[in-house]
C-alpha atoms as a PDB file:
ATOM      1  CA  UNK A   1      12.117  -6.417 -12.250  1.00  0.00           C
ATOM      2  CA  UNK A   2      13.507  -4.661 -15.317  1.00  0.00           C
ATOM      3  CA  UNK A   3      12.554  -1.177 -14.139  1.00  0.00           C
ATOM      4  CA  UNK A   4      12.021  -1.924 -10.436  1.00  0.00           C
ATOM      5  CA  UNK A   5      14.630   0.284  -8.799  1.00  0.00           C
ATOM      6  CA  UNK A   6      14.344   2.970 -11.469  1.00  0.00           C
ATOM      7  CA  UNK A   7      10.559   2.935 -11.230  1.00  0.00           C
ATOM      8  CA  UNK A   8      10.468   3.316  -7.473  1.00  0.00           C
ATOM      9  CA  UNK A   9      13.011   6.144  -7.364  1.00  0.00           C
ATOM     10  CA  UNK A  10      12.074   8.163 -10.423  1.00  0.00           C
ATOM     11  CA  UNK A  11       8.421   7.303 -11.070  1.00  0.00           C
ATOM     12  CA  UNK A  12       6.540   6.168  -7.959  1.00  0.00           C
ATOM     13  CA  UNK A  13       8.113   7.529  -4.760  1.00  0.00           C
ATOM     14  CA  UNK A  14       7.262  11.164  -5.501  1.00  0.00           C
ATOM     15  CA  UNK A  15       3.603  10.650  -6.452  1.00  0.00           C
ATOM     16  CA  UNK A  16       3.060   8.189  -3.601  1.00  0.00           C
ATOM     17  CA  UNK A  17       4.519  10.556  -1.014  1.00  0.00           C
ATOM     18  CA  UNK A  18       2.545  13.447  -2.513  1.00  0.00           C
ATOM     19  CA  UNK A  19      -0.647  11.494  -1.736  1.00  0.00           C
ATOM     20  CA  UNK A  20       0.524  11.084   1.877  1.00  0.00           C
ATOM     21  CA  UNK A  21       1.793  14.551   2.683  1.00  0.00           C
ATOM     22  CA  UNK A  22      -0.864  17.078   3.530  1.00  0.00           C
ATOM     23  CA  UNK A  23      -3.271  14.506   4.943  1.00  0.00           C
ATOM     24  CA  UNK A  24      -3.902  14.012   8.649  1.00  0.00           C
ATOM     25  CA  UNK A  25      -2.567  10.461   8.914  1.00  0.00           C
ATOM     26  CA  UNK A  26      -1.628   8.931  12.253  1.00  0.00           C
ATOM     27  CA  UNK A  27      -1.269   5.223  11.587  1.00  0.00           C
ATOM     28  CA  UNK A  28      -0.521   3.360   8.351  1.00  0.00           C
ATOM     29  CA  UNK A  29      -0.411  -0.308   7.384  1.00  0.00           C
ATOM     30  CA  UNK A  30       1.984  -1.361   4.612  1.00  0.00           C
ATOM     31  CA  UNK A  31       0.872  -4.575   2.868  1.00  0.00           C
ATOM     32  CA  UNK A  32       3.874  -6.440   1.472  1.00  0.00           C
ATOM     33  CA  UNK A  33       6.369  -4.107   3.118  1.00  0.00           C
ATOM     34  CA  UNK A  34       9.450  -6.104   2.103  1.00  0.00           C
ATOM     35  CA  UNK A  35      12.532  -4.627   3.757  1.00  0.00           C
ATOM     36  CA  UNK A  36      10.469  -1.767   5.177  1.00  0.00           C
ATOM     37  CA  UNK A  37      11.666   0.918   2.778  1.00  0.00           C
ATOM     38  CA  UNK A  38       8.314   2.660   2.340  1.00  0.00           C
ATOM     39  CA  UNK A  39       7.479   2.276   6.029  1.00  0.00           C
ATOM     40  CA  UNK A  40      10.613   4.276   6.789  1.00  0.00           C
ATOM     41  CA  UNK A  41       9.630   6.916   4.218  1.00  0.00           C
ATOM     42  CA  UNK A  42       6.201   7.229   5.831  1.00  0.00           C
ATOM     43  CA  UNK A  43       7.802   7.500   9.255  1.00  0.00           C
ATOM     44  CA  UNK A  44       9.811  10.447   7.947  1.00  0.00           C
ATOM     45  CA  UNK A  45       6.404  12.105   7.358  1.00  0.00           C
ATOM     46  CA  UNK A  46       5.515  11.599  11.031  1.00  0.00           C
ATOM     47  CA  UNK A  47       3.305   8.524  10.518  1.00  0.00           C
ATOM     48  CA  UNK A  48       3.360   5.460  12.770  1.00  0.00           C
ATOM     49  CA  UNK A  49       3.590   2.350  10.627  1.00  0.00           C
ATOM     50  CA  UNK A  50       2.978  -1.380  10.726  1.00  0.00           C
ATOM     51  CA  UNK A  51       4.465  -3.490   7.953  1.00  0.00           C
ATOM     52  CA  UNK A  52       3.464  -7.024   7.042  1.00  0.00           C
ATOM     53  CA  UNK A  53       5.165  -9.404   4.643  1.00  0.00           C
ATOM     54  CA  UNK A  54       5.078 -13.198   4.160  1.00  0.00           C
ATOM     55  CA  UNK A  55       8.852 -13.544   3.637  1.00  0.00           C
ATOM     56  CA  UNK A  56      10.836 -14.159   6.817  1.00  0.00           C
ATOM     57  CA  UNK A  57      14.133 -12.883   5.402  1.00  0.00           C
ATOM     58  CA  UNK A  58      12.568  -9.579   4.357  1.00  0.00           C
ATOM     59  CA  UNK A  59      10.895  -9.049   7.740  1.00  0.00           C
ATOM     60  CA  UNK A  60      14.197  -9.822   9.455  1.00  0.00           C
ATOM     61  CA  UNK A  61      15.946  -7.251   7.270  1.00  0.00           C
ATOM     62  CA  UNK A  62      13.231  -4.649   7.948  1.00  0.00           C
ATOM     63  CA  UNK A  63      13.680  -5.143  11.690  1.00  0.00           C
ATOM     64  CA  UNK A  64      17.447  -4.858  11.312  1.00  0.00           C
ATOM     65  CA  UNK A  65      17.191  -1.595   9.373  1.00  0.00           C
ATOM     66  CA  UNK A  66      14.495  -0.181  11.657  1.00  0.00           C
ATOM     67  CA  UNK A  67      14.851  -1.724  15.145  1.00  0.00           C
ATOM     68  CA  UNK A  68      12.076   0.445  16.559  1.00  0.00           C
ATOM     69  CA  UNK A  69       9.628  -0.403  13.769  1.00  0.00           C
ATOM     70  CA  UNK A  70       6.646  -2.739  13.877  1.00  0.00           C
ATOM     71  CA  UNK A  71       7.093  -5.490  11.288  1.00  0.00           C
ATOM     72  CA  UNK A  72       5.021  -8.662  11.269  1.00  0.00           C
ATOM     73  CA  UNK A  73       5.238 -11.937   9.376  1.00  0.00           C
ATOM     74  CA  UNK A  74       1.852 -12.419   7.701  1.00  0.00           C
ATOM     75  CA  UNK A  75       0.137 -12.667   4.342  1.00  0.00           C
ATOM     76  CA  UNK A  76      -2.313 -10.137   2.934  1.00  0.00           C
ATOM     77  CA  UNK A  77      -5.045 -12.778   3.097  1.00  0.00           C
ATOM     78  CA  UNK A  78      -4.499 -13.754   6.762  1.00  0.00           C
ATOM     79  CA  UNK A  79      -3.124 -10.779   8.725  1.00  0.00           C
ATOM     80  CA  UNK A  80      -5.033  -9.843  11.858  1.00  0.00           C
ATOM     81  CA  UNK A  81      -5.429  -6.299  13.203  1.00  0.00           C
ATOM     82  CA  UNK A  82      -8.299  -4.641  15.063  1.00  0.00           C
ATOM     83  CA  UNK A  83     -11.079  -3.504  12.739  1.00  0.00           C
ATOM     84  CA  UNK A  84     -10.844   0.145  11.724  1.00  0.00           C
ATOM     85  CA  UNK A  85      -7.423   0.614  13.298  1.00  0.00           C
ATOM     86  CA  UNK A  86      -5.652   2.333  10.373  1.00  0.00           C
ATOM     87  CA  UNK A  87      -6.451   5.564   8.553  1.00  0.00           C
ATOM     88  CA  UNK A  88      -4.100   4.617   5.697  1.00  0.00           C
ATOM     89  CA  UNK A  89      -3.322   1.280   4.059  1.00  0.00           C
ATOM     90  CA  UNK A  90      -0.595   1.160   1.414  1.00  0.00           C
ATOM     91  CA  UNK A  91      -0.080  -1.508  -1.258  1.00  0.00           C
ATOM     92  CA  UNK A  92       3.156  -0.483  -2.958  1.00  0.00           C
ATOM     93  CA  UNK A  93       3.755  -2.922  -5.839  1.00  0.00           C
ATOM     94  CA  UNK A  94       2.409  -5.793  -3.754  1.00  0.00           C
ATOM     95  CA  UNK A  95      -0.999  -6.585  -5.299  1.00  0.00           C
ATOM     96  CA  UNK A  96       0.564  -8.539  -8.173  1.00  0.00           C
ATOM     97  CA  UNK A  97       2.132 -10.910  -5.601  1.00  0.00           C
ATOM     98  CA  UNK A  98      -1.149 -11.794  -3.852  1.00  0.00           C
ATOM     99  CA  UNK A  99      -2.809 -15.060  -4.996  1.00  0.00           C
ATOM    100  CA  UNK A 100      -6.258 -14.447  -3.451  1.00  0.00           C
ATOM    101  CA  UNK A 101      -6.947 -10.795  -4.017  1.00  0.00           C
ATOM    102  CA  UNK A 102     -10.565 -10.994  -2.869  1.00  0.00           C
ATOM    103  CA  UNK A 103      -9.624 -12.242   0.597  1.00  0.00           C
ATOM    104  CA  UNK A 104      -6.868  -9.649   0.826  1.00  0.00           C
ATOM    105  CA  UNK A 105      -9.232  -6.772   0.044  1.00  0.00           C
ATOM    106  CA  UNK A 106     -11.712  -8.095   2.620  1.00  0.00           C
ATOM    107  CA  UNK A 107      -9.061  -7.729   5.319  1.00  0.00           C
ATOM    108  CA  UNK A 108      -7.663  -4.452   4.004  1.00  0.00           C
ATOM    109  CA  UNK A 109     -11.061  -2.754   3.965  1.00  0.00           C
ATOM    110  CA  UNK A 110     -11.860  -4.098   7.438  1.00  0.00           C
ATOM    111  CA  UNK A 111      -8.571  -2.656   8.741  1.00  0.00           C
ATOM    112  CA  UNK A 112      -9.429   0.826   7.413  1.00  0.00           C
ATOM    113  CA  UNK A 113     -11.190   3.310   9.669  1.00  0.00           C
ATOM    114  CA  UNK A 114     -14.227   5.113   8.287  1.00  0.00           C
ATOM    115  CA  UNK A 115     -12.889   7.860   6.050  1.00  0.00           C
ATOM    116  CA  UNK A 116      -9.569   6.022   5.757  1.00  0.00           C
ATOM    117  CA  UNK A 117      -7.631   5.769   2.507  1.00  0.00           C
ATOM    118  CA  UNK A 118      -6.214   2.883   0.509  1.00  0.00           C
ATOM    119  CA  UNK A 119      -3.196   3.987  -1.543  1.00  0.00           C
ATOM    120  CA  UNK A 120      -2.091   1.654  -4.323  1.00  0.00           C
ATOM    121  CA  UNK A 121       0.897   1.593  -6.652  1.00  0.00           C
ATOM    122  CA  UNK A 122       0.559  -1.280  -9.075  1.00  0.00           C
ATOM    123  CA  UNK A 123       1.862  -2.588 -12.359  1.00  0.00           C
ATOM    124  CA  UNK A 124      -0.476  -1.686 -15.197  1.00  0.00           C
ATOM    125  CA  UNK A 125      -2.517  -4.603 -16.454  1.00  0.00           C
ATOM    126  CA  UNK A 126      -1.368  -4.190 -20.043  1.00  0.00           C
ATOM    127  CA  UNK A 127       2.175  -4.536 -18.706  1.00  0.00           C
ATOM    128  CA  UNK A 128       1.493  -7.736 -16.770  1.00  0.00           C
ATOM    129  CA  UNK A 129      -0.315  -9.084 -19.856  1.00  0.00           C
ATOM    130  CA  UNK A 130       3.069  -8.893 -21.586  1.00  0.00           C
ATOM    131  CA  UNK A 131       4.906 -11.009 -19.030  1.00  0.00           C
ATOM    132  CA  UNK A 132       7.135 -12.921 -19.100  1.00  0.00           C
ATOM    133  CA  UNK A 133       8.411 -11.903 -22.561  1.00  0.00           C
ATOM    134  CA  UNK A 134       7.284  -8.290 -22.888  1.00  0.00           C
ATOM    135  CA  UNK A 135       9.863  -6.573 -25.032  1.00  0.00           C
ATOM    136  CA  UNK A 136      10.778  -8.486 -28.184  1.00  0.00           C
ATOM    137  CA  UNK A 137      12.317  -7.720 -31.581  1.00  0.00           C
ATOM    138  CA  UNK A 138      10.075  -7.418 -34.611  1.00  0.00           C
ATOM    139  CA  UNK A 139      11.015  -8.571 -38.128  1.00  0.00           C
ATOM    140  CA  UNK A 140      13.004  -5.360 -38.607  1.00  0.00           C
ATOM    141  CA  UNK A 141      14.923  -5.725 -35.363  1.00  0.00           C
ATOM    142  CA  UNK A 142      12.972  -2.952 -33.652  1.00  0.00           C
ATOM    143  CA  UNK A 143      11.943  -3.233 -30.000  1.00  0.00           C
ATOM    144  CA  UNK A 144       8.236  -3.932 -29.548  1.00  0.00           C
ATOM    145  CA  UNK A 145       6.209  -4.638 -26.424  1.00  0.00           C
ATOM    146  CA  UNK A 146       3.785  -7.510 -26.914  1.00  0.00           C
ATOM    147  CA  UNK A 147       0.725  -8.300 -24.818  1.00  0.00           C
ATOM    148  CA  UNK A 148      -1.578 -11.288 -25.076  1.00  0.00           C
ATOM    149  CA  UNK A 149      -4.510 -12.925 -23.261  1.00  0.00           C
ATOM    150  CA  UNK A 150      -5.289  -9.658 -21.492  1.00  0.00           C
ATOM    151  CA  UNK A 151      -8.645 -10.788 -20.067  1.00  0.00           C
ATOM    152  CA  UNK A 152      -7.331 -14.108 -18.723  1.00  0.00           C
ATOM    153  CA  UNK A 153      -6.234 -13.959 -15.089  1.00  0.00           C
ATOM    154  CA  UNK A 154      -3.161 -16.085 -14.579  1.00  0.00           C
ATOM    155  CA  UNK A 155      -0.005 -16.628 -12.589  1.00  0.00           C
ATOM    156  CA  UNK A 156       3.190 -15.696 -14.419  1.00  0.00           C
ATOM    157  CA  UNK A 157       6.705 -16.672 -13.422  1.00  0.00           C
ATOM    158  CA  UNK A 158       9.235 -13.907 -14.019  1.00  0.00           C
ATOM    159  CA  UNK A 159      12.980 -13.907 -13.446  1.00  0.00           C
ATOM    160  CA  UNK A 160      15.650 -11.248 -13.056  1.00  0.00           C
ATOM    161  CA  UNK A 161      19.065 -11.097 -11.380  1.00  0.00           C
ATOM    162  CA  UNK A 162      18.859 -14.827 -10.681  1.00  0.00           C
ATOM    163  CA  UNK A 163      15.565 -14.476  -8.753  1.00  0.00           C
ATOM    164  CA  UNK A 164      12.402 -16.256  -9.903  1.00  0.00           C
ATOM    165  CA  UNK A 165       9.064 -15.029  -8.535  1.00  0.00           C
ATOM    166  CA  UNK A 166       5.395 -15.601  -9.230  1.00  0.00           C
ATOM    167  CA  UNK A 167       3.316 -12.577 -10.209  1.00  0.00           C
ATOM    168  CA  UNK A 168      -0.357 -12.411 -11.129  1.00  0.00           C
ATOM    169  CA  UNK A 169      -1.783 -10.867 -14.238  1.00  0.00           C
ATOM    170  CA  UNK A 170      -5.287  -9.494 -13.818  1.00  0.00           C
ATOM    171  CA  UNK A 171      -7.200  -7.109 -16.093  1.00  0.00           C
ATOM    172  CA  UNK A 172      -7.809  -3.684 -14.581  1.00  0.00           C
ATOM    173  CA  UNK A 173     -11.514  -4.530 -14.299  1.00  0.00           C
ATOM    174  CA  UNK A 174     -10.715  -7.185 -11.679  1.00  0.00           C
ATOM    175  CA  UNK A 175      -9.167  -4.632  -9.334  1.00  0.00           C
ATOM    176  CA  UNK A 176     -11.858  -2.031  -9.984  1.00  0.00           C
ATOM    177  CA  UNK A 177     -14.725  -4.475  -9.483  1.00  0.00           C
ATOM    178  CA  UNK A 178     -13.392  -5.776  -6.154  1.00  0.00           C
ATOM    179  CA  UNK A 179     -12.758  -2.280  -4.783  1.00  0.00           C
ATOM    180  CA  UNK A 180     -16.106  -0.900  -5.935  1.00  0.00           C
ATOM    181  CA  UNK A 181     -17.878  -3.940  -4.492  1.00  0.00           C
ATOM    182  CA  UNK A 182     -16.563  -2.922  -1.075  1.00  0.00           C
ATOM    183  CA  UNK A 183     -18.122   0.500  -1.494  1.00  0.00           C
ATOM    184  CA  UNK A 184     -14.797   2.322  -1.716  1.00  0.00           C
ATOM    185  CA  UNK A 185     -14.688   5.662  -3.515  1.00  0.00           C
ATOM    186  CA  UNK A 186     -11.998   6.350  -6.109  1.00  0.00           C
ATOM    187  CA  UNK A 187     -10.397   9.719  -5.303  1.00  0.00           C
ATOM    188  CA  UNK A 188      -7.235   9.657  -7.432  1.00  0.00           C
ATOM    189  CA  UNK A 189      -5.902   7.823 -10.482  1.00  0.00           C
ATOM    190  CA  UNK A 190      -2.668   8.638 -12.294  1.00  0.00           C
ATOM    191  CA  UNK A 191      -0.086   7.116 -14.594  1.00  0.00           C
ATOM    192  CA  UNK A 192       2.993   9.010 -13.401  1.00  0.00           C
ATOM    193  CA  UNK A 193       5.736   9.986 -15.818  1.00  0.00           C
ATOM    194  CA  UNK A 194       9.462   9.629 -15.064  1.00  0.00           C
ATOM    195  CA  UNK A 195      11.050  12.520 -13.186  1.00  0.00           C
ATOM    196  CA  UNK A 196      14.719  11.883 -13.927  1.00  0.00           C
ATOM    197  CA  UNK A 197      17.334   9.167 -13.855  1.00  0.00           C
ATOM    198  CA  UNK A 198      18.831   7.370 -16.824  1.00  0.00           C
ATOM    199  CA  UNK A 199      17.458   8.983 -20.031  1.00  0.00           C
ATOM    200  CA  UNK A 200      17.335   5.624 -21.821  1.00  0.00           C
ATOM    201  CA  UNK A 201      15.301   4.072 -19.003  1.00  0.00           C
ATOM    202  CA  UNK A 202      12.974   7.099 -19.027  1.00  0.00           C
ATOM    203  CA  UNK A 203      12.482   6.854 -22.799  1.00  0.00           C
ATOM    204  CA  UNK A 204      11.716   3.139 -22.558  1.00  0.00           C
ATOM    205  CA  UNK A 205       9.283   3.782 -19.714  1.00  0.00           C
ATOM    206  CA  UNK A 206       7.453   6.458 -21.697  1.00  0.00           C
ATOM    207  CA  UNK A 207       6.874   3.965 -24.510  1.00  0.00           C
ATOM    208  CA  UNK A 208       5.278   1.400 -22.176  1.00  0.00           C
ATOM    209  CA  UNK A 209       4.489   2.859 -18.717  1.00  0.00           C
ATOM    210  CA  UNK A 210       4.764   0.262 -16.005  1.00  0.00           C
ATOM    211  CA  UNK A 211       2.776   1.785 -13.160  1.00  0.00           C
ATOM    212  CA  UNK A 212      -0.381   3.481 -12.043  1.00  0.00           C
ATOM    213  CA  UNK A 213      -1.331   5.037  -8.711  1.00  0.00           C
ATOM    214  CA  UNK A 214      -4.812   4.838  -7.216  1.00  0.00           C
ATOM    215  CA  UNK A 215      -6.277   6.258  -4.023  1.00  0.00           C
ATOM    216  CA  UNK A 216      -9.560   4.930  -2.653  1.00  0.00           C
ATOM    217  CA  UNK A 217     -11.521   6.194   0.338  1.00  0.00           C
ATOM    218  CA  UNK A 218     -13.697   4.228   2.751  1.00  0.00           C
ATOM    219  CA  UNK A 219     -16.942   6.130   3.267  1.00  0.00           C
ATOM    220  CA  UNK A 220     -17.671   7.610   6.682  1.00  0.00           C
END
């Protein structure tokens, strides 16, 4: 979206990779891997990866860019892997695209080995509560970010660069309740600040941060 490429490069990649480096991780599952970009970054850390995505064109592109990689066409609610077969599952800006989050978390938690970690980068809920309008002009012509109906879960259609996609707004409590219900333990929560890039984009981001990072652990 508006800050997608900027956000990944200058806000999320560093903190996400920091949560991966320094941990003994052999095998990772990337939910909503798209073109396989983060799978390739994890591979550069010595981790074997499996990526799933429901979009055929994106899986085809991931295979083209990484011929030796393991990329599978599947949804987060229906993918099948042996129980406990991954010590890391990553959801990098994919949770907002998943219609049935409860079913997805059932499968994600089952895929995690005991002691395994679930690493999430997600849009903040106050941000998704502002979609699709978000930034508007007030009566004085000043930029303001407007949110509404925060507690109402809903599908929101957003459009940029000629692409129209369906995202889901959910209050933060929805995510927290589902993860806690599975007995996962929250080990990290951050709202990372920009680390460079276009100063105007950084200033806009600091006014209304788009992302948070969470790490959850499956008990042993």
